Amino acid sequence: MNIYVMLSSERKMTTPSDPARTPVTGQAFDQFLDGQLADPAFKAGFEKKLAKVKSIAEVLRLVEQARERDGIPKAEIARRMRRRPEAISRLLAGQGSNPTLDTLIDLIDAIGLELDIQIKRQPRRRESDYSPLKIRSTV
């Protein structure tokens, strides 16, 4: 199975259609963020960071999918990595995780996977949804 992921830099609004049901702090943040995103430099940085966060989450999702498919308990992964089981559970949940490359390599090794990193030049002409990170999975 090959999975190719291209992340779009498009921002999706998370505000409910009924502003009366959105907490005031949520409305204030949305208004603040909309104001900040009006600045092209801020928007470019925001979109780049968002693409990175989504890419990390996708890598962790694929690793978790492989772990589940192979039937390896999280506690066993924790034992193999010499980490606490709750730390592995948080990591594999992918919520706000930003693992180091070292941790990612340990995780992949503990599941019996291999990480293949390819570094190459960016294309001269970039599409609007270009991301410097491409994720492919063959597991």
N, C-alpha and C. Protein backbone atom coordinates (compact mmCIF):
# COMPACT_ATOMS: atom_id res chain seq x y z
N MET A 1 0.85 -1.17 0.00
CA MET A 1 0.00 0.00 0.00
C MET A 1 0.90 1.23 0.00
N ASN A 2 0.68 2.13 -0.92
CA ASN A 2 1.40 3.39 -0.97
C ASN A 2 0.46 4.51 -0.56
N ILE A 3 0.92 5.35 0.33
CA ILE A 3 0.14 6.50 0.76
C ILE A 3 0.96 7.74 0.48
N TYR A 4 0.42 8.65 -0.27
CA TYR A 4 1.09 9.91 -0.57
C TYR A 4 0.29 11.03 0.08
N VAL A 5 0.95 11.89 0.77
CA VAL A 5 0.29 12.98 1.46
C VAL A 5 0.85 14.30 0.96
N MET A 6 -0.02 15.16 0.47
CA MET A 6 0.36 16.52 0.10
C MET A 6 -0.50 17.44 0.95
N LEU A 7 0.13 18.21 1.75
CA LEU A 7 -0.61 19.07 2.64
C LEU A 7 -0.89 20.41 1.99
N SER A 8 -2.10 20.86 2.15
CA SER A 8 -2.49 22.16 1.63
C SER A 8 -2.25 23.19 2.71
N SER A 9 -1.91 24.38 2.30
CA SER A 9 -1.69 25.45 3.27
C SER A 9 -2.97 26.23 3.51
N GLU A 10 -4.07 25.73 3.00
CA GLU A 10 -5.35 26.42 3.15
C GLU A 10 -5.84 26.31 4.59
N ARG A 11 -6.27 27.41 5.15
CA ARG A 11 -6.78 27.43 6.53
C ARG A 11 -8.26 27.15 6.51
N LYS A 12 -8.70 26.23 7.31
CA LYS A 12 -10.11 25.90 7.42
C LYS A 12 -10.65 26.55 8.68
N MET A 13 -11.76 27.22 8.55
CA MET A 13 -12.38 27.87 9.70
C MET A 13 -12.98 26.81 10.61
N THR A 14 -12.78 26.96 11.88
CA THR A 14 -13.32 26.01 12.84
C THR A 14 -14.45 26.64 13.64
N THR A 15 -14.83 27.85 13.27
CA THR A 15 -15.89 28.55 13.98
C THR A 15 -17.24 27.94 13.64
N PRO A 16 -18.06 27.58 14.62
CA PRO A 16 -19.39 27.05 14.33
C PRO A 16 -20.22 28.08 13.57
N SER A 17 -21.21 27.59 12.84
CA SER A 17 -22.04 28.49 12.05
C SER A 17 -22.88 29.41 12.92
N ASP A 18 -23.08 29.05 14.18
CA ASP A 18 -23.88 29.86 15.08
C ASP A 18 -22.94 30.57 16.07
N PRO A 19 -22.58 31.86 15.80
CA PRO A 19 -21.66 32.57 16.68
C PRO A 19 -22.14 32.64 18.12
N ALA A 20 -23.44 32.57 18.34
CA ALA A 20 -23.97 32.63 19.70
C ALA A 20 -23.53 31.42 20.52
N ARG A 21 -23.21 30.33 19.86
CA ARG A 21 -22.79 29.12 20.56
C ARG A 21 -21.28 29.06 20.75
N THR A 22 -20.54 29.97 20.14
CA THR A 22 -19.08 30.00 20.28
C THR A 22 -18.73 30.80 21.53
N PRO A 23 -17.87 30.25 22.41
CA PRO A 23 -17.47 31.03 23.58
C PRO A 23 -16.84 32.36 23.15
N VAL A 24 -17.03 33.36 23.97
CA VAL A 24 -16.52 34.69 23.65
C VAL A 24 -15.01 34.64 23.42
N THR A 25 -14.30 33.86 24.23
CA THR A 25 -12.85 33.76 24.04
C THR A 25 -12.52 33.15 22.68
N GLY A 26 -13.33 32.19 22.22
CA GLY A 26 -13.12 31.60 20.91
C GLY A 26 -13.35 32.60 19.80
N GLN A 27 -14.40 33.41 19.95
CA GLN A 27 -14.67 34.44 18.95
C GLN A 27 -13.55 35.47 18.92
N ALA A 28 -13.10 35.85 20.10
CA ALA A 28 -12.02 36.84 20.18
C ALA A 28 -10.74 36.30 19.52
N PHE A 29 -10.44 35.03 19.77
CA PHE A 29 -9.25 34.45 19.16
C PHE A 29 -9.39 34.38 17.64
N ASP A 30 -10.57 33.94 17.16
CA ASP A 30 -10.79 33.87 15.72
C ASP A 30 -10.64 35.24 15.08
N GLN A 31 -11.16 36.26 15.73
CA GLN A 31 -11.04 37.62 15.19
C GLN A 31 -9.57 38.07 15.20
N PHE A 32 -8.86 37.77 16.28
CA PHE A 32 -7.45 38.11 16.37
C PHE A 32 -6.66 37.41 15.27
N LEU A 33 -6.90 36.10 15.11
CA LEU A 33 -6.18 35.33 14.10
C LEU A 33 -6.49 35.82 12.70
N ASP A 34 -7.75 36.11 12.43
CA ASP A 34 -8.11 36.65 11.11
C ASP A 34 -7.37 37.95 10.84
N GLY A 35 -7.24 38.80 11.85
CA GLY A 35 -6.49 40.04 11.70
C GLY A 35 -5.02 39.79 11.42
N GLN A 36 -4.44 38.83 12.13
CA GLN A 36 -3.04 38.49 11.93
C GLN A 36 -2.80 37.88 10.54
N LEU A 37 -3.75 37.07 10.09
CA LEU A 37 -3.61 36.41 8.78
C LEU A 37 -3.75 37.39 7.62
N ALA A 38 -4.21 38.58 7.90
CA ALA A 38 -4.28 39.60 6.85
C ALA A 38 -2.88 40.07 6.45
N ASP A 39 -1.91 39.87 7.34
CA ASP A 39 -0.51 40.22 7.06
C ASP A 39 0.12 39.06 6.28
N PRO A 40 0.53 39.28 5.01
CA PRO A 40 1.07 38.18 4.20
C PRO A 40 2.27 37.47 4.82
N ALA A 41 3.14 38.18 5.50
CA ALA A 41 4.31 37.55 6.12
C ALA A 41 3.88 36.63 7.27
N PHE A 42 2.96 37.10 8.09
CA PHE A 42 2.45 36.28 9.19
C PHE A 42 1.74 35.05 8.63
N LYS A 43 0.92 35.27 7.61
CA LYS A 43 0.15 34.17 7.01
C LYS A 43 1.09 33.10 6.46
N ALA A 44 2.16 33.50 5.79
CA ALA A 44 3.11 32.53 5.23
C ALA A 44 3.75 31.70 6.34
N GLY A 45 4.17 32.35 7.43
CA GLY A 45 4.76 31.63 8.55
C GLY A 45 3.77 30.70 9.23
N PHE A 46 2.55 31.18 9.40
CA PHE A 46 1.49 30.39 10.02
C PHE A 46 1.20 29.14 9.19
N GLU A 47 1.08 29.32 7.88
CA GLU A 47 0.78 28.19 7.00
C GLU A 47 1.92 27.17 6.98
N LYS A 48 3.15 27.64 7.04
CA LYS A 48 4.30 26.73 7.06
C LYS A 48 4.30 25.91 8.34
N LYS A 49 4.06 26.57 9.47
CA LYS A 49 4.02 25.86 10.76
C LYS A 49 2.86 24.87 10.79
N LEU A 50 1.70 25.28 10.27
CA LEU A 50 0.54 24.40 10.23
C LEU A 50 0.83 23.16 9.39
N ALA A 51 1.51 23.33 8.26
CA ALA A 51 1.86 22.19 7.41
C ALA A 51 2.79 21.24 8.15
N LYS A 52 3.72 21.77 8.93
CA LYS A 52 4.63 20.91 9.70
C LYS A 52 3.87 20.10 10.74
N VAL A 53 2.97 20.76 11.46
CA VAL A 53 2.19 20.08 12.50
C VAL A 53 1.34 18.97 11.87
N LYS A 54 0.71 19.26 10.75
CA LYS A 54 -0.11 18.25 10.08
C LYS A 54 0.75 17.09 9.58
N SER A 55 1.94 17.38 9.10
CA SER A 55 2.84 16.33 8.61
C SER A 55 3.26 15.39 9.74
N ILE A 56 3.62 15.96 10.88
CA ILE A 56 4.00 15.14 12.04
C ILE A 56 2.84 14.26 12.47
N ALA A 57 1.64 14.84 12.50
CA ALA A 57 0.45 14.07 12.88
C ALA A 57 0.21 12.93 11.90
N GLU A 58 0.44 13.17 10.61
CA GLU A 58 0.24 12.12 9.61
C GLU A 58 1.27 11.00 9.76
N VAL A 59 2.51 11.34 10.04
CA VAL A 59 3.54 10.31 10.28
C VAL A 59 3.13 9.45 11.47
N LEU A 60 2.72 10.09 12.55
CA LEU A 60 2.33 9.33 13.75
C LEU A 60 1.09 8.48 13.49
N ARG A 61 0.17 8.98 12.68
CA ARG A 61 -1.03 8.21 12.33
C ARG A 61 -0.64 6.94 11.56
N LEU A 62 0.28 7.07 10.61
CA LEU A 62 0.72 5.91 9.84
C LEU A 62 1.45 4.89 10.71
N VAL A 63 2.28 5.38 11.63
CA VAL A 63 3.00 4.48 12.54
C VAL A 63 2.01 3.76 13.45
N GLU A 64 1.03 4.49 13.96
CA GLU A 64 0.02 3.89 14.84
C GLU A 64 -0.81 2.87 14.06
N GLN A 65 -1.12 3.16 12.83
CA GLN A 65 -1.88 2.24 11.99
C GLN A 65 -1.09 0.93 11.79
N ALA A 66 0.20 1.03 11.56
CA ALA A 66 1.05 -0.15 11.40
C ALA A 66 1.12 -0.95 12.70
N ARG A 67 1.25 -0.24 13.83
CA ARG A 67 1.31 -0.92 15.13
C ARG A 67 0.04 -1.70 15.39
N GLU A 68 -1.11 -1.06 15.13
CA GLU A 68 -2.40 -1.74 15.34
C GLU A 68 -2.55 -2.94 14.42
N ARG A 69 -2.17 -2.77 13.15
CA ARG A 69 -2.28 -3.86 12.18
C ARG A 69 -1.43 -5.06 12.60
N ASP A 70 -0.25 -4.79 13.15
CA ASP A 70 0.65 -5.86 13.59
C ASP A 70 0.29 -6.40 14.97
N GLY A 71 -0.66 -5.76 15.64
CA GLY A 71 -1.12 -6.24 16.94
C GLY A 71 -0.11 -6.09 18.06
N ILE A 72 0.72 -5.07 17.99
CA ILE A 72 1.73 -4.86 19.03
C ILE A 72 1.14 -3.92 20.09
N PRO A 73 1.01 -4.37 21.33
CA PRO A 73 0.47 -3.50 22.38
C PRO A 73 1.38 -2.30 22.64
N LYS A 74 0.77 -1.20 23.01
CA LYS A 74 1.54 0.01 23.34
C LYS A 74 2.51 -0.25 24.48
N ALA A 75 2.09 -1.08 25.42
CA ALA A 75 2.98 -1.40 26.56
C ALA A 75 4.25 -2.10 26.06
N GLU A 76 4.11 -2.94 25.05
CA GLU A 76 5.28 -3.62 24.49
C GLU A 76 6.19 -2.63 23.77
N ILE A 77 5.60 -1.68 23.06
CA ILE A 77 6.39 -0.63 22.40
C ILE A 77 7.15 0.16 23.46
N ALA A 78 6.47 0.50 24.55
CA ALA A 78 7.12 1.24 25.64
C ALA A 78 8.29 0.44 26.22
N ARG A 79 8.09 -0.86 26.41
CA ARG A 79 9.16 -1.72 26.94
C ARG A 79 10.35 -1.73 25.99
N ARG A 80 10.08 -1.87 24.70
CA ARG A 80 11.17 -1.91 23.71
C ARG A 80 11.93 -0.58 23.63
N MET A 81 11.20 0.52 23.86
CA MET A 81 11.82 1.85 23.80
C MET A 81 12.38 2.30 25.14
N ARG A 82 12.09 1.51 26.19
CA ARG A 82 12.48 1.86 27.56
C ARG A 82 11.87 3.21 27.98
N ARG A 83 10.59 3.31 27.70
CA ARG A 83 9.81 4.51 28.05
C ARG A 83 8.59 4.09 28.84
N ARG A 84 7.95 5.06 29.49
CA ARG A 84 6.72 4.79 30.24
C ARG A 84 5.57 4.57 29.26
N PRO A 85 4.69 3.61 29.53
CA PRO A 85 3.56 3.33 28.63
C PRO A 85 2.69 4.56 28.36
N GLU A 86 2.49 5.40 29.38
CA GLU A 86 1.64 6.58 29.17
C GLU A 86 2.29 7.58 28.21
N ALA A 87 3.61 7.62 28.18
CA ALA A 87 4.31 8.50 27.24
C ALA A 87 4.11 8.02 25.81
N ILE A 88 4.13 6.70 25.62
CA ILE A 88 3.91 6.13 24.29
C ILE A 88 2.47 6.34 23.86
N SER A 89 1.54 6.19 24.79
CA SER A 89 0.13 6.44 24.46
C SER A 89 -0.08 7.88 24.00
N ARG A 90 0.52 8.83 24.70
CA ARG A 90 0.40 10.25 24.31
C ARG A 90 1.03 10.48 22.94
N LEU A 91 2.20 9.90 22.74
CA LEU A 91 2.90 10.07 21.47
C LEU A 91 2.08 9.52 20.31
N LEU A 92 1.56 8.31 20.46
CA LEU A 92 0.81 7.69 19.38
C LEU A 92 -0.58 8.29 19.18
N ALA A 93 -1.08 9.00 20.18
CA ALA A 93 -2.37 9.69 20.01
C ALA A 93 -2.19 10.86 19.05
N GLY A 94 -0.96 11.36 18.94
CA GLY A 94 -0.66 12.40 17.97
C GLY A 94 -1.20 13.78 18.31
N GLN A 95 -1.84 13.92 19.42
CA GLN A 95 -2.42 15.21 19.80
C GLN A 95 -1.34 16.12 20.35
N GLY A 96 -0.91 17.06 19.54
CA GLY A 96 0.09 18.02 19.99
C GLY A 96 1.48 17.44 20.10
N SER A 97 1.69 16.24 19.57
CA SER A 97 3.01 15.62 19.64
C SER A 97 3.96 16.28 18.65
N ASN A 98 5.18 16.45 19.08
CA ASN A 98 6.23 16.97 18.22
C ASN A 98 7.51 16.20 18.56
N PRO A 99 7.54 14.90 18.17
CA PRO A 99 8.68 14.07 18.56
C PRO A 99 9.96 14.50 17.85
N THR A 100 11.07 14.28 18.53
CA THR A 100 12.37 14.51 17.89
C THR A 100 12.59 13.38 16.88
N LEU A 101 13.54 13.58 16.00
CA LEU A 101 13.87 12.53 15.04
C LEU A 101 14.37 11.30 15.78
N ASP A 102 15.10 11.49 16.85
CA ASP A 102 15.60 10.39 17.67
C ASP A 102 14.45 9.55 18.21
N THR A 103 13.42 10.21 18.75
CA THR A 103 12.26 9.49 19.29
C THR A 103 11.51 8.78 18.18
N LEU A 104 11.35 9.44 17.05
CA LEU A 104 10.65 8.83 15.92
C LEU A 104 11.38 7.58 15.43
N ILE A 105 12.69 7.64 15.36
CA ILE A 105 13.48 6.48 14.93
C ILE A 105 13.33 5.34 15.93
N ASP A 106 13.39 5.65 17.23
CA ASP A 106 13.19 4.61 18.26
C ASP A 106 11.80 3.98 18.14
N LEU A 107 10.79 4.80 17.91
CA LEU A 107 9.41 4.30 17.78
C LEU A 107 9.29 3.40 16.57
N ILE A 108 9.79 3.84 15.45
CA ILE A 108 9.70 3.05 14.22
C ILE A 108 10.45 1.73 14.36
N ASP A 109 11.62 1.77 14.98
CA ASP A 109 12.40 0.56 15.20
C ASP A 109 11.66 -0.40 16.13
N ALA A 110 11.03 0.12 17.17
CA ALA A 110 10.31 -0.72 18.14
C ALA A 110 9.14 -1.45 17.49
N ILE A 111 8.59 -0.88 16.43
CA ILE A 111 7.45 -1.50 15.74
C ILE A 111 7.94 -2.43 14.63
N GLY A 112 9.23 -2.36 14.31
CA GLY A 112 9.77 -3.21 13.25
C GLY A 112 9.64 -2.57 11.88
N LEU A 113 9.64 -1.25 11.86
CA LEU A 113 9.55 -0.50 10.61
C LEU A 113 10.90 0.13 10.29
N GLU A 114 10.99 0.73 9.14
CA GLU A 114 12.20 1.40 8.71
C GLU A 114 11.81 2.79 8.20
N LEU A 115 12.59 3.78 8.55
CA LEU A 115 12.37 5.15 8.10
C LEU A 115 13.37 5.45 7.00
N ASP A 116 12.88 5.89 5.85
CA ASP A 116 13.72 6.18 4.70
C ASP A 116 13.58 7.67 4.40
N ILE A 117 14.62 8.44 4.62
CA ILE A 117 14.58 9.88 4.41
C ILE A 117 15.34 10.20 3.14
N GLN A 118 14.72 10.95 2.26
CA GLN A 118 15.35 11.35 1.01
C GLN A 118 15.41 12.88 0.99
N ILE A 119 16.58 13.41 0.75
CA ILE A 119 16.76 14.86 0.67
C ILE A 119 17.05 15.20 -0.78
N LYS A 120 16.28 16.14 -1.34
CA LYS A 120 16.48 16.54 -2.72
C LYS A 120 16.13 18.01 -2.90
N ARG A 121 16.49 18.57 -4.03
CA ARG A 121 16.19 19.97 -4.33
C ARG A 121 14.70 20.17 -4.51
N GLN A 122 14.23 21.34 -4.08
CA GLN A 122 12.84 21.71 -4.30
C GLN A 122 12.63 22.05 -5.77
N PRO A 123 11.42 21.87 -6.26
CA PRO A 123 11.16 22.25 -7.65
C PRO A 123 11.25 23.77 -7.81
N ARG A 124 11.67 24.22 -8.99
CA ARG A 124 11.76 25.66 -9.24
C ARG A 124 10.39 26.30 -9.20
N ARG A 125 9.42 25.63 -9.76
CA ARG A 125 8.06 26.15 -9.77
C ARG A 125 7.25 25.36 -8.75
N ARG A 126 6.73 26.05 -7.78
CA ARG A 126 5.95 25.40 -6.73
C ARG A 126 4.47 25.67 -6.93
N GLU A 127 3.69 24.64 -6.70
CA GLU A 127 2.23 24.79 -6.72
C GLU A 127 1.81 25.53 -5.45
N SER A 128 0.60 26.04 -5.46
CA SER A 128 0.14 26.81 -4.29
C SER A 128 0.02 25.94 -3.04
N ASP A 129 -0.17 24.64 -3.21
CA ASP A 129 -0.29 23.75 -2.05
C ASP A 129 1.02 23.01 -1.77
N TYR A 130 2.13 23.55 -2.23
CA TYR A 130 3.45 22.92 -2.04
C TYR A 130 3.80 22.79 -0.57
N SER A 131 4.40 21.67 -0.21
CA SER A 131 4.93 21.45 1.13
C SER A 131 6.32 20.82 0.97
N PRO A 132 7.30 21.26 1.76
CA PRO A 132 8.65 20.68 1.64
C PRO A 132 8.74 19.26 2.21
N LEU A 133 7.64 18.75 2.75
CA LEU A 133 7.64 17.41 3.33
C LEU A 133 6.63 16.55 2.60
N LYS A 134 7.09 15.44 2.07
CA LYS A 134 6.22 14.45 1.40
C LYS A 134 6.27 13.19 2.26
N ILE A 135 5.14 12.60 2.52
CA ILE A 135 5.08 11.40 3.34
C ILE A 135 4.56 10.26 2.48
N ARG A 136 5.33 9.18 2.42
CA ARG A 136 4.92 7.98 1.69
C ARG A 136 5.04 6.81 2.65
N SER A 137 4.06 5.95 2.60
CA SER A 137 4.12 4.74 3.42
C SER A 137 3.90 3.53 2.53
N THR A 138 4.73 2.53 2.69
CA THR A 138 4.56 1.29 1.93
C THR A 138 4.20 0.13 2.85
N VAL A 139 3.80 0.45 4.07
CA VAL A 139 3.41 -0.62 5.01
C VAL A 139 1.91 -0.74 5.07
